N, C-alpha and C. Protein backbone atom coordinates (compact mmCIF):
# COMPACT_ATOMS: atom_id res chain seq x y z
N MET A 1 25.57 57.09 -104.05
CA MET A 1 25.40 57.43 -102.23
C MET A 1 26.26 58.92 -101.57
N THR A 2 25.82 59.33 -100.96
CA THR A 2 26.62 60.45 -100.52
C THR A 2 26.95 60.07 -99.02
N ILE A 3 28.47 60.67 -98.83
CA ILE A 3 27.82 60.39 -96.68
C ILE A 3 27.98 61.90 -96.35
N TYR A 4 26.97 61.93 -95.67
CA TYR A 4 27.26 63.41 -94.89
C TYR A 4 28.48 63.64 -93.58
N SER A 5 29.15 64.19 -93.61
CA SER A 5 29.80 64.54 -92.67
C SER A 5 29.87 66.45 -91.87
N LYS A 6 29.97 65.78 -90.52
CA LYS A 6 30.11 66.81 -89.32
C LYS A 6 31.43 67.59 -89.77
N LYS A 7 31.31 68.80 -89.39
CA LYS A 7 32.55 69.21 -89.61
C LYS A 7 33.53 69.10 -88.11
N ASN A 8 34.84 69.01 -88.36
CA ASN A 8 35.58 68.93 -87.35
C ASN A 8 36.01 67.23 -86.62
N ASP A 9 35.14 66.43 -87.71
CA ASP A 9 35.11 65.03 -87.42
C ASP A 9 35.73 64.21 -88.87
N LEU A 10 37.17 63.05 -88.30
CA LEU A 10 37.71 62.81 -89.68
C LEU A 10 37.21 60.90 -89.54
N LEU A 11 35.96 61.01 -88.95
CA LEU A 11 36.16 59.25 -88.71
C LEU A 11 35.66 59.27 -89.80
N ASN A 12 34.78 60.08 -91.04
CA ASN A 12 34.43 59.64 -92.23
C ASN A 12 35.73 59.27 -92.89
N TYR A 13 36.52 60.27 -93.10
CA TYR A 13 37.39 60.26 -93.77
C TYR A 13 38.36 59.34 -94.11
N PHE A 14 38.73 58.29 -92.98
CA PHE A 14 39.40 57.12 -92.84
C PHE A 14 38.31 55.94 -92.72
N ILE A 15 37.32 55.78 -93.14
CA ILE A 15 36.03 54.23 -93.10
C ILE A 15 35.41 54.43 -94.42
N HIS A 16 35.46 55.77 -95.16
CA HIS A 16 34.67 55.84 -96.60
C HIS A 16 35.63 55.75 -97.35
N ASP A 17 35.31 55.71 -98.71
CA ASP A 17 36.10 55.45 -100.02
C ASP A 17 35.53 57.57 -100.22
N ASN A 18 36.70 57.94 -100.93
CA ASN A 18 37.02 59.27 -100.99
C ASN A 18 36.07 59.48 -102.35
N ARG A 19 35.21 58.48 -102.78
CA ARG A 19 33.94 58.97 -103.60
C ARG A 19 33.19 59.14 -103.21
N PHE A 20 32.97 59.03 -102.26
CA PHE A 20 31.74 58.89 -101.48
C PHE A 20 31.51 60.47 -100.36
N LEU A 21 32.60 61.25 -100.63
CA LEU A 21 32.80 62.12 -99.91
C LEU A 21 32.54 63.61 -100.48
N SER A 22 32.76 64.88 -99.73
CA SER A 22 32.90 65.92 -101.02
C SER A 22 34.01 66.51 -101.06
N LYS A 23 34.44 66.93 -102.03
CA LYS A 23 35.87 67.48 -102.19
C LYS A 23 36.36 68.41 -100.64
N GLU A 24 35.34 69.21 -100.63
CA GLU A 24 35.53 70.31 -99.29
C GLU A 24 36.25 69.72 -98.39
N TYR A 25 35.36 68.41 -98.05
CA TYR A 25 35.84 67.78 -96.53
C TYR A 25 37.13 67.13 -96.78
N ILE A 26 37.08 66.07 -98.09
CA ILE A 26 38.39 65.73 -98.01
C ILE A 26 39.29 66.76 -98.34
N LYS A 27 39.43 68.43 -99.41
CA LYS A 27 40.18 69.04 -98.46
C LYS A 27 40.59 69.39 -97.24
N GLY A 28 39.48 69.67 -96.36
CA GLY A 28 39.82 70.30 -95.33
C GLY A 28 40.74 69.25 -93.95
N CYS A 29 40.04 67.84 -94.34
CA CYS A 29 40.41 67.03 -93.47
C CYS A 29 42.36 66.61 -94.03
N GLU A 30 42.51 66.55 -95.17
CA GLU A 30 43.63 66.35 -95.25
C GLU A 30 45.06 67.93 -95.20
N ASP A 31 44.34 68.68 -95.34
CA ASP A 31 44.62 69.78 -94.71
C ASP A 31 45.27 70.23 -93.21
N PHE A 32 43.97 69.70 -92.89
CA PHE A 32 43.99 69.36 -91.15
C PHE A 32 45.39 68.35 -90.36
N LEU A 33 45.14 67.17 -91.65
CA LEU A 33 46.68 66.26 -91.34
C LEU A 33 47.79 66.57 -91.64
N LYS A 34 48.03 67.31 -92.39
CA LYS A 34 49.21 67.87 -92.73
C LYS A 34 50.07 69.07 -91.75
N ASN A 35 48.59 69.90 -91.29
CA ASN A 35 48.73 71.27 -90.41
C ASN A 35 49.60 69.95 -89.05
N GLU A 36 48.67 68.75 -88.63
CA GLU A 36 49.50 67.99 -87.59
C GLU A 36 50.53 67.55 -87.06
N ILE A 37 51.12 67.13 -88.46
CA ILE A 37 52.01 66.41 -88.95
C ILE A 37 53.39 67.66 -88.86
N LYS A 38 53.24 68.66 -89.01
CA LYS A 38 54.30 69.64 -89.61
C LYS A 38 54.22 70.09 -87.67
N ASN A 39 53.60 70.51 -87.74
CA ASN A 39 53.35 71.16 -86.07
C ASN A 39 53.92 69.90 -84.82
N ASN A 40 53.92 69.04 -84.98
CA ASN A 40 54.12 67.74 -83.62
C ASN A 40 55.43 67.08 -84.38
N GLN A 41 56.11 68.15 -84.58
CA GLN A 41 57.60 67.00 -85.03
C GLN A 41 58.27 66.80 -84.12
N PRO A 42 58.99 66.03 -84.03
CA PRO A 42 60.31 65.78 -82.41
C PRO A 42 60.83 67.05 -82.73
N LYS A 43 61.23 67.27 -81.28
CA LYS A 43 61.67 68.66 -81.01
C LYS A 43 62.90 68.04 -80.48
N THR A 44 64.15 68.80 -81.15
CA THR A 44 65.45 68.46 -81.14
C THR A 44 66.17 69.01 -79.73
N LYS A 45 67.22 68.42 -79.45
CA LYS A 45 68.08 68.19 -78.24
C LYS A 45 68.49 69.78 -77.98
N ASP A 46 68.25 70.67 -78.61
CA ASP A 46 68.70 72.04 -78.17
C ASP A 46 67.54 72.18 -77.18
N HIS A 47 65.98 72.08 -78.10
CA HIS A 47 64.90 72.53 -77.32
C HIS A 47 64.83 71.87 -76.34
N ASN A 48 64.92 70.72 -76.09
CA ASN A 48 65.14 70.05 -74.65
C ASN A 48 65.94 70.26 -74.02
N ILE A 49 67.07 70.76 -74.11
CA ILE A 49 68.19 71.33 -73.00
C ILE A 49 67.52 72.44 -72.20
N ASN A 50 66.95 73.33 -73.49
CA ASN A 50 66.38 74.78 -73.12
C ASN A 50 65.51 74.38 -72.32
N LYS A 51 64.59 73.73 -72.22
CA LYS A 51 63.53 73.31 -71.65
C LYS A 51 63.58 73.04 -70.39
N TYR A 52 64.68 72.02 -70.21
CA TYR A 52 64.79 71.59 -68.88
C TYR A 52 66.13 72.89 -67.87
N ARG A 53 66.87 73.74 -68.37
CA ARG A 53 67.29 74.67 -67.99
C ARG A 53 66.20 75.83 -67.26
N SER A 54 65.21 75.84 -68.18
CA SER A 54 64.53 76.68 -67.55
C SER A 54 63.42 76.43 -66.89
N ASP A 55 62.77 75.23 -66.66
CA ASP A 55 62.93 74.13 -65.47
C ASP A 55 63.42 74.53 -64.57
N LEU A 56 64.58 74.45 -64.49
CA LEU A 56 65.93 74.23 -63.41
C LEU A 56 65.60 75.32 -62.56
N LYS A 57 65.43 76.44 -63.36
CA LYS A 57 65.28 77.80 -62.87
C LYS A 57 64.41 78.15 -62.23
N THR A 58 63.34 77.56 -62.80
CA THR A 58 61.94 77.70 -62.09
C THR A 58 61.96 77.08 -60.75
N LEU A 59 62.66 75.75 -60.55
CA LEU A 59 62.65 75.34 -59.39
C LEU A 59 63.25 76.09 -58.96
N GLN A 60 64.64 76.38 -58.65
CA GLN A 60 65.54 77.26 -58.04
C GLN A 60 65.09 78.31 -57.87
N PHE A 61 64.12 79.19 -58.45
CA PHE A 61 63.52 80.47 -57.81
C PHE A 61 62.97 79.66 -56.78
N LEU A 62 61.96 78.75 -56.99
CA LEU A 62 61.05 78.25 -55.64
C LEU A 62 61.77 77.82 -54.85
N GLU A 63 62.47 77.11 -54.79
CA GLU A 63 62.83 76.96 -53.33
C GLU A 63 63.43 78.21 -52.87
N ASN A 64 64.32 78.73 -53.77
CA ASN A 64 65.03 80.46 -52.80
C ASN A 64 63.84 81.49 -52.01
N LYS A 65 62.43 81.40 -52.56
CA LYS A 65 61.31 82.10 -52.65
C LYS A 65 61.01 82.10 -50.82
C-alpha cells in the first residue's frame, strides 16, 4: 500500500508507518524537522538583554520625538 503525500505536509509522516511512505518524503520531513529544531533553540541570556536594550532605546527615541 502506498501513501500519497502532499509537499510541505507532515501529517502522513506522523500517522503512517515509514514503510508506506516514499524515501524522498521521509528525507524531506526529517531535514525540515532537524532545521526547525536547530533554528528554534532557546535564546541566551545575553541575547535577551541586548534585545531589551534595543527595545528600551527605541522607546526612549519615540518618547523624545
